[in-house]
Amino acid sequence: MSANALQAAVVARLAGDAGVTAIIGAGRIFDRQITRAEPPYLVLGEMTTADFSTGDGEGSEHRFEIEAWS
């Protein structure tokens, strides 16, 4: 899975979680820092990707933070 596809999937999953939206409200999850957003909101932090392929197939490891602003 590409880094962009993973980011989109994480944002979609968080946005579809009733517990998360109950706390921060709908439309308050971003895949990048929004300078004019009023808290509370969540934003995905910097992502790093490393090749995790083996002899049997391709793979990658993705690491990122989810920042909560209040």
PDB file of N, CA and C in Angstrom:
ATOM      1  N   MET A   1       0.853  -1.178   0.000  1.00  0.00           N
ATOM      2  CA  MET A   1       0.000   0.000   0.000  1.00  0.00           C
ATOM      3  C   MET A   1       0.896   1.237   0.000  1.00  0.00           C
ATOM      4  N   SER A   2       0.589   2.175  -0.852  1.00  0.00           N
ATOM      5  CA  SER A   2       1.393   3.396  -0.897  1.00  0.00           C
ATOM      6  C   SER A   2       1.121   4.259   0.330  1.00  0.00           C
ATOM      7  N   ALA A   3       2.035   5.167   0.612  1.00  0.00           N
ATOM      8  CA  ALA A   3       1.880   6.055   1.763  1.00  0.00           C
ATOM      9  C   ALA A   3       0.624   6.917   1.630  1.00  0.00           C
ATOM     10  N   ASN A   4       0.339   7.420   0.429  1.00  0.00           N
ATOM     11  CA  ASN A   4      -0.851   8.251   0.231  1.00  0.00           C
ATOM     12  C   ASN A   4      -2.128   7.451   0.440  1.00  0.00           C
ATOM     13  N   ALA A   5      -2.145   6.215  -0.054  1.00  0.00           N
ATOM     14  CA  ALA A   5      -3.318   5.370   0.135  1.00  0.00           C
ATOM     15  C   ALA A   5      -3.514   5.044   1.617  1.00  0.00           C
ATOM     16  N   LEU A   6      -2.422   4.799   2.319  1.00  0.00           N
ATOM     17  CA  LEU A   6      -2.518   4.530   3.756  1.00  0.00           C
ATOM     18  C   LEU A   6      -3.059   5.742   4.500  1.00  0.00           C
ATOM     19  N   GLN A   7      -2.549   6.923   4.177  1.00  0.00           N
ATOM     20  CA  GLN A   7      -3.050   8.142   4.826  1.00  0.00           C
ATOM     21  C   GLN A   7      -4.542   8.308   4.585  1.00  0.00           C
ATOM     22  N   ALA A   8      -4.978   8.122   3.361  1.00  0.00           N
ATOM     23  CA  ALA A   8      -6.399   8.258   3.032  1.00  0.00           C
ATOM     24  C   ALA A   8      -7.236   7.239   3.798  1.00  0.00           C
ATOM     25  N   ALA A   9      -6.734   6.010   3.933  1.00  0.00           N
ATOM     26  CA  ALA A   9      -7.455   4.973   4.658  1.00  0.00           C
ATOM     27  C   ALA A   9      -7.556   5.293   6.148  1.00  0.00           C
ATOM     28  N   VAL A  10      -6.482   5.797   6.732  1.00  0.00           N
ATOM     29  CA  VAL A  10      -6.491   6.150   8.155  1.00  0.00           C
ATOM     30  C   VAL A  10      -7.467   7.300   8.413  1.00  0.00           C
ATOM     31  N   VAL A  11      -7.424   8.334   7.575  1.00  0.00           N
ATOM     32  CA  VAL A  11      -8.342   9.465   7.729  1.00  0.00           C
ATOM     33  C   VAL A  11      -9.785   8.991   7.587  1.00  0.00           C
ATOM     34  N   ALA A  12     -10.058   8.150   6.594  1.00  0.00           N
ATOM     35  CA  ALA A  12     -11.421   7.642   6.388  1.00  0.00           C
ATOM     36  C   ALA A  12     -11.889   6.812   7.579  1.00  0.00           C
ATOM     37  N   ARG A  13     -11.008   5.989   8.105  1.00  0.00           N
ATOM     38  CA  ARG A  13     -11.379   5.138   9.254  1.00  0.00           C
ATOM     39  C   ARG A  13     -11.665   5.983  10.486  1.00  0.00           C
ATOM     40  N   LEU A  14     -10.816   6.959  10.761  1.00  0.00           N
ATOM     41  CA  LEU A  14     -11.042   7.830  11.912  1.00  0.00           C
ATOM     42  C   LEU A  14     -12.317   8.654  11.741  1.00  0.00           C
ATOM     43  N   ALA A  15     -12.535   9.161  10.527  1.00  0.00           N
ATOM     44  CA  ALA A  15     -13.723   9.975  10.264  1.00  0.00           C
ATOM     45  C   ALA A  15     -15.004   9.157  10.382  1.00  0.00           C
ATOM     46  N   GLY A  16     -14.915   7.859  10.140  1.00  0.00           N
ATOM     47  CA  GLY A  16     -16.081   6.993  10.236  1.00  0.00           C
ATOM     48  C   GLY A  16     -16.323   6.424  11.618  1.00  0.00           C
ATOM     49  N   ASP A  17     -15.471   6.746  12.566  1.00  0.00           N
ATOM     50  CA  ASP A  17     -15.600   6.228  13.921  1.00  0.00           C
ATOM     51  C   ASP A  17     -16.483   7.169  14.743  1.00  0.00           C
ATOM     52  N   ALA A  18     -17.615   6.660  15.180  1.00  0.00           N
ATOM     53  CA  ALA A  18     -18.583   7.487  15.916  1.00  0.00           C
ATOM     54  C   ALA A  18     -17.994   8.046  17.209  1.00  0.00           C
ATOM     55  N   GLY A  19     -17.166   7.283  17.887  1.00  0.00           N
ATOM     56  CA  GLY A  19     -16.553   7.757  19.124  1.00  0.00           C
ATOM     57  C   GLY A  19     -15.619   8.933  18.900  1.00  0.00           C
ATOM     58  N   VAL A  20     -14.834   8.862  17.824  1.00  0.00           N
ATOM     59  CA  VAL A  20     -13.910   9.948  17.501  1.00  0.00           C
ATOM     60  C   VAL A  20     -14.679  11.204  17.133  1.00  0.00           C
ATOM     61  N   THR A  21     -15.665  11.072  16.247  1.00  0.00           N
ATOM     62  CA  THR A  21     -16.418  12.257  15.823  1.00  0.00           C
ATOM     63  C   THR A  21     -17.272  12.826  16.946  1.00  0.00           C
ATOM     64  N   ALA A  22     -17.657  12.000  17.909  1.00  0.00           N
ATOM     65  CA  ALA A  22     -18.393  12.521  19.059  1.00  0.00           C
ATOM     66  C   ALA A  22     -17.514  13.442  19.907  1.00  0.00           C
ATOM     67  N   ILE A  23     -16.226  13.158  19.938  1.00  0.00           N
ATOM     68  CA  ILE A  23     -15.300  13.962  20.739  1.00  0.00           C
ATOM     69  C   ILE A  23     -14.872  15.233  20.009  1.00  0.00           C
ATOM     70  N   ILE A  24     -14.506  15.098  18.726  1.00  0.00           N
ATOM     71  CA  ILE A  24     -13.942  16.259  18.033  1.00  0.00           C
ATOM     72  C   ILE A  24     -14.872  16.884  17.012  1.00  0.00           C
ATOM     73  N   GLY A  25     -15.948  16.194  16.640  1.00  0.00           N
ATOM     74  CA  GLY A  25     -16.879  16.709  15.639  1.00  0.00           C
ATOM     75  C   GLY A  25     -16.544  16.203  14.247  1.00  0.00           C
ATOM     76  N   ALA A  26     -17.506  16.289  13.364  1.00  0.00           N
ATOM     77  CA  ALA A  26     -17.331  15.835  11.983  1.00  0.00           C
ATOM     78  C   ALA A  26     -16.450  16.823  11.217  1.00  0.00           C
ATOM     79  N   GLY A  27     -15.697  16.308  10.271  1.00  0.00           N
ATOM     80  CA  GLY A  27     -14.857  17.161   9.435  1.00  0.00           C
ATOM     81  C   GLY A  27     -13.666  17.771  10.147  1.00  0.00           C
ATOM     82  N   ARG A  28     -13.207  17.128  11.211  1.00  0.00           N
ATOM     83  CA  ARG A  28     -12.113  17.671  12.032  1.00  0.00           C
ATOM     84  C   ARG A  28     -10.869  16.796  11.984  1.00  0.00           C
ATOM     85  N   ILE A  29     -10.728  15.966  10.936  1.00  0.00           N
ATOM     86  CA  ILE A  29      -9.572  15.086  10.784  1.00  0.00           C
ATOM     87  C   ILE A  29      -8.893  15.447   9.478  1.00  0.00           C
ATOM     88  N   PHE A  30      -7.597  15.744   9.545  1.00  0.00           N
ATOM     89  CA  PHE A  30      -6.863  16.237   8.378  1.00  0.00           C
ATOM     90  C   PHE A  30      -5.627  15.386   8.128  1.00  0.00           C
ATOM     91  N   ASP A  31      -5.236  15.274   6.857  1.00  0.00           N
ATOM     92  CA  ASP A  31      -4.041  14.506   6.520  1.00  0.00           C
ATOM     93  C   ASP A  31      -2.796  15.381   6.494  1.00  0.00           C
ATOM     94  N   ARG A  32      -2.956  16.654   6.790  1.00  0.00           N
ATOM     95  CA  ARG A  32      -1.815  17.575   6.902  1.00  0.00           C
ATOM     96  C   ARG A  32      -2.225  18.720   7.822  1.00  0.00           C
ATOM     97  N   GLN A  33      -1.253  19.440   8.335  1.00  0.00           N
ATOM     98  CA  GLN A  33      -1.526  20.558   9.241  1.00  0.00           C
ATOM     99  C   GLN A  33      -2.312  21.653   8.515  1.00  0.00           C
ATOM    100  N   ILE A  34      -3.401  22.084   9.093  1.00  0.00           N
ATOM    101  CA  ILE A  34      -4.231  23.158   8.558  1.00  0.00           C
ATOM    102  C   ILE A  34      -4.010  24.371   9.460  1.00  0.00           C
ATOM    103  N   THR A  35      -3.458  25.442   8.917  1.00  0.00           N
ATOM    104  CA  THR A  35      -3.062  26.574   9.752  1.00  0.00           C
ATOM    105  C   THR A  35      -4.250  27.326  10.343  1.00  0.00           C
ATOM    106  N   ARG A  36      -5.394  27.288   9.705  1.00  0.00           N
ATOM    107  CA  ARG A  36      -6.536  28.057  10.207  1.00  0.00           C
ATOM    108  C   ARG A  36      -7.588  27.199  10.893  1.00  0.00           C
ATOM    109  N   ALA A  37      -7.301  25.963  11.120  1.00  0.00           N
ATOM    110  CA  ALA A  37      -8.269  25.087  11.775  1.00  0.00           C
ATOM    111  C   ALA A  37      -8.385  25.449  13.244  1.00  0.00           C
ATOM    112  N   GLU A  38      -9.598  25.469  13.720  1.00  0.00           N
ATOM    113  CA  GLU A  38      -9.855  25.724  15.139  1.00  0.00           C
ATOM    114  C   GLU A  38      -9.938  24.387  15.866  1.00  0.00           C
ATOM    115  N   PRO A  39      -9.240  24.251  16.972  1.00  0.00           N
ATOM    116  CA  PRO A  39      -9.312  23.010  17.747  1.00  0.00           C
ATOM    117  C   PRO A  39     -10.722  22.786  18.286  1.00  0.00           C
ATOM    118  N   PRO A  40     -11.086  21.565  18.557  1.00  0.00           N
ATOM    119  CA  PRO A  40     -10.266  20.351  18.510  1.00  0.00           C
ATOM    120  C   PRO A  40     -10.239  19.749  17.107  1.00  0.00           C
ATOM    121  N   TYR A  41      -9.124  19.100  16.783  1.00  0.00           N
ATOM    122  CA  TYR A  41      -9.005  18.361  15.532  1.00  0.00           C
ATOM    123  C   TYR A  41      -7.857  17.376  15.626  1.00  0.00           C
ATOM    124  N   LEU A  42      -7.841  16.433  14.702  1.00  0.00           N
ATOM    125  CA  LEU A  42      -6.741  15.479  14.570  1.00  0.00           C
ATOM    126  C   LEU A  42      -6.034  15.743  13.259  1.00  0.00           C
ATOM    127  N   VAL A  43      -4.727  15.547  13.256  1.00  0.00           N
ATOM    128  CA  VAL A  43      -3.955  15.694  12.024  1.00  0.00           C
ATOM    129  C   VAL A  43      -2.895  14.596  11.991  1.00  0.00           C
ATOM    130  N   LEU A  44      -2.691  14.025  10.801  1.00  0.00           N
ATOM    131  CA  LEU A  44      -1.629  13.039  10.652  1.00  0.00           C
ATOM    132  C   LEU A  44      -0.305  13.767  10.576  1.00  0.00           C
ATOM    133  N   GLY A  45       0.646  13.314  11.365  1.00  0.00           N
ATOM    134  CA  GLY A  45       1.965  13.918  11.368  1.00  0.00           C
ATOM    135  C   GLY A  45       2.822  13.379  10.235  1.00  0.00           C
ATOM    136  N   GLU A  46       4.099  13.701  10.288  1.00  0.00           N
ATOM    137  CA  GLU A  46       5.033  13.259   9.258  1.00  0.00           C
ATOM    138  C   GLU A  46       5.074  11.738   9.191  1.00  0.00           C
ATOM    139  N   MET A  47       5.118  11.217   7.986  1.00  0.00           N
ATOM    140  CA  MET A  47       5.176   9.776   7.790  1.00  0.00           C
ATOM    141  C   MET A  47       6.542   9.400   7.221  1.00  0.00           C
ATOM    142  N   THR A  48       7.106   8.318   7.746  1.00  0.00           N
ATOM    143  CA  THR A  48       8.318   7.756   7.174  1.00  0.00           C
ATOM    144  C   THR A  48       7.989   6.362   6.646  1.00  0.00           C
ATOM    145  N   THR A  49       8.607   6.017   5.549  1.00  0.00           N
ATOM    146  CA  THR A  49       8.365   4.723   4.921  1.00  0.00           C
ATOM    147  C   THR A  49       9.701   4.047   4.678  1.00  0.00           C
ATOM    148  N   ALA A  50       9.772   2.771   5.034  1.00  0.00           N
ATOM    149  CA  ALA A  50      10.994   1.996   4.827  1.00  0.00           C
ATOM    150  C   ALA A  50      10.658   0.737   4.038  1.00  0.00           C
ATOM    151  N   ASP A  51      11.559   0.354   3.172  1.00  0.00           N
ATOM    152  CA  ASP A  51      11.396  -0.872   2.396  1.00  0.00           C
ATOM    153  C   ASP A  51      11.458  -2.060   3.355  1.00  0.00           C
ATOM    154  N   PHE A  52      10.476  -2.911   3.278  1.00  0.00           N
ATOM    155  CA  PHE A  52      10.402  -4.074   4.145  1.00  0.00           C
ATOM    156  C   PHE A  52      10.203  -5.330   3.296  1.00  0.00           C
ATOM    157  N   SER A  53      10.704  -5.276   2.075  1.00  0.00           N
ATOM    158  CA  SER A  53      10.540  -6.390   1.145  1.00  0.00           C
ATOM    159  C   SER A  53      11.385  -7.583   1.575  1.00  0.00           C
ATOM    160  N   THR A  54      10.931  -8.745   1.165  1.00  0.00           N
ATOM    161  CA  THR A  54      11.665  -9.983   1.406  1.00  0.00           C
ATOM    162  C   THR A  54      11.917 -10.654   0.063  1.00  0.00           C
ATOM    163  N   GLY A  55      12.538 -11.781   0.085  1.00  0.00           N
ATOM    164  CA  GLY A  55      12.767 -12.526  -1.142  1.00  0.00           C
ATOM    165  C   GLY A  55      11.469 -13.031  -1.755  1.00  0.00           C
ATOM    166  N   ASP A  56      10.417 -13.124  -0.944  1.00  0.00           N
ATOM    167  CA  ASP A  56       9.138 -13.649  -1.417  1.00  0.00           C
ATOM    168  C   ASP A  56       8.176 -12.583  -1.920  1.00  0.00           C
ATOM    169  N   GLY A  57       8.409 -11.325  -1.584  1.00  0.00           N
ATOM    170  CA  GLY A  57       7.466 -10.297  -2.021  1.00  0.00           C
ATOM    171  C   GLY A  57       7.857  -8.915  -1.552  1.00  0.00           C
ATOM    172  N   GLU A  58       7.115  -7.955  -2.078  1.00  0.00           N
ATOM    173  CA  GLU A  58       7.366  -6.565  -1.728  1.00  0.00           C
ATOM    174  C   GLU A  58       6.630  -6.210  -0.442  1.00  0.00           C
ATOM    175  N   GLY A  59       7.181  -5.261   0.275  1.00  0.00           N
ATOM    176  CA  GLY A  59       6.540  -4.784   1.490  1.00  0.00           C
ATOM    177  C   GLY A  59       7.153  -3.472   1.924  1.00  0.00           C
ATOM    178  N   SER A  60       6.454  -2.771   2.770  1.00  0.00           N
ATOM    179  CA  SER A  60       6.993  -1.525   3.315  1.00  0.00           C
ATOM    180  C   SER A  60       6.434  -1.307   4.707  1.00  0.00           C
ATOM    181  N   GLU A  61       7.204  -0.596   5.498  1.00  0.00           N
ATOM    182  CA  GLU A  61       6.808  -0.244   6.856  1.00  0.00           C
ATOM    183  C   GLU A  61       6.548   1.257   6.872  1.00  0.00           C
ATOM    184  N   HIS A  62       5.401   1.643   7.404  1.00  0.00           N
ATOM    185  CA  HIS A  62       5.034   3.054   7.489  1.00  0.00           C
ATOM    186  C   HIS A  62       4.907   3.428   8.963  1.00  0.00           C
ATOM    187  N   ARG A  63       5.491   4.541   9.324  1.00  0.00           N
ATOM    188  CA  ARG A  63       5.369   5.063  10.691  1.00  0.00           C
ATOM    189  C   ARG A  63       4.896   6.499  10.611  1.00  0.00           C
ATOM    190  N   PHE A  64       3.913   6.823  11.462  1.00  0.00           N
ATOM    191  CA  PHE A  64       3.406   8.191  11.505  1.00  0.00           C
ATOM    192  C   PHE A  64       2.759   8.431  12.864  1.00  0.00           C
ATOM    193  N   GLU A  65       2.529   9.681  13.150  1.00  0.00           N
ATOM    194  CA  GLU A  65       1.857  10.062  14.386  1.00  0.00           C
ATOM    195  C   GLU A  65       0.496  10.623  14.059  1.00  0.00           C
ATOM    196  N   ILE A  66      -0.416  10.467  14.985  1.00  0.00           N
ATOM    197  CA  ILE A  66      -1.703  11.151  14.905  1.00  0.00           C
ATOM    198  C   ILE A  66      -1.676  12.192  16.012  1.00  0.00           C
ATOM    199  N   GLU A  67      -1.714  13.453  15.622  1.00  0.00           N
ATOM    200  CA  GLU A  67      -1.644  14.542  16.589  1.00  0.00           C
ATOM    201  C   GLU A  67      -3.065  15.006  16.939  1.00  0.00           C
ATOM    202  N   ALA A  68      -3.311  15.180  18.217  1.00  0.00           N
ATOM    203  CA  ALA A  68      -4.603  15.688  18.696  1.00  0.00           C
ATOM    204  C   ALA A  68      -4.405  17.118  19.190  1.00  0.00           C
ATOM    205  N   TRP A  69      -5.141  18.057  18.616  1.00  0.00           N
ATOM    206  CA  TRP A  69      -5.064  19.462  18.992  1.00  0.00           C
ATOM    207  C   TRP A  69      -6.343  19.860  19.703  1.00  0.00           C
ATOM    208  N   SER A  70      -6.167  20.460  20.853  1.00  0.00           N
ATOM    209  CA  SER A  70      -7.354  20.896  21.617  1.00  0.00           C
ATOM    210  C   SER A  70      -7.188  22.310  22.122  1.00  0.00           C
TER     211      SER A  70
END
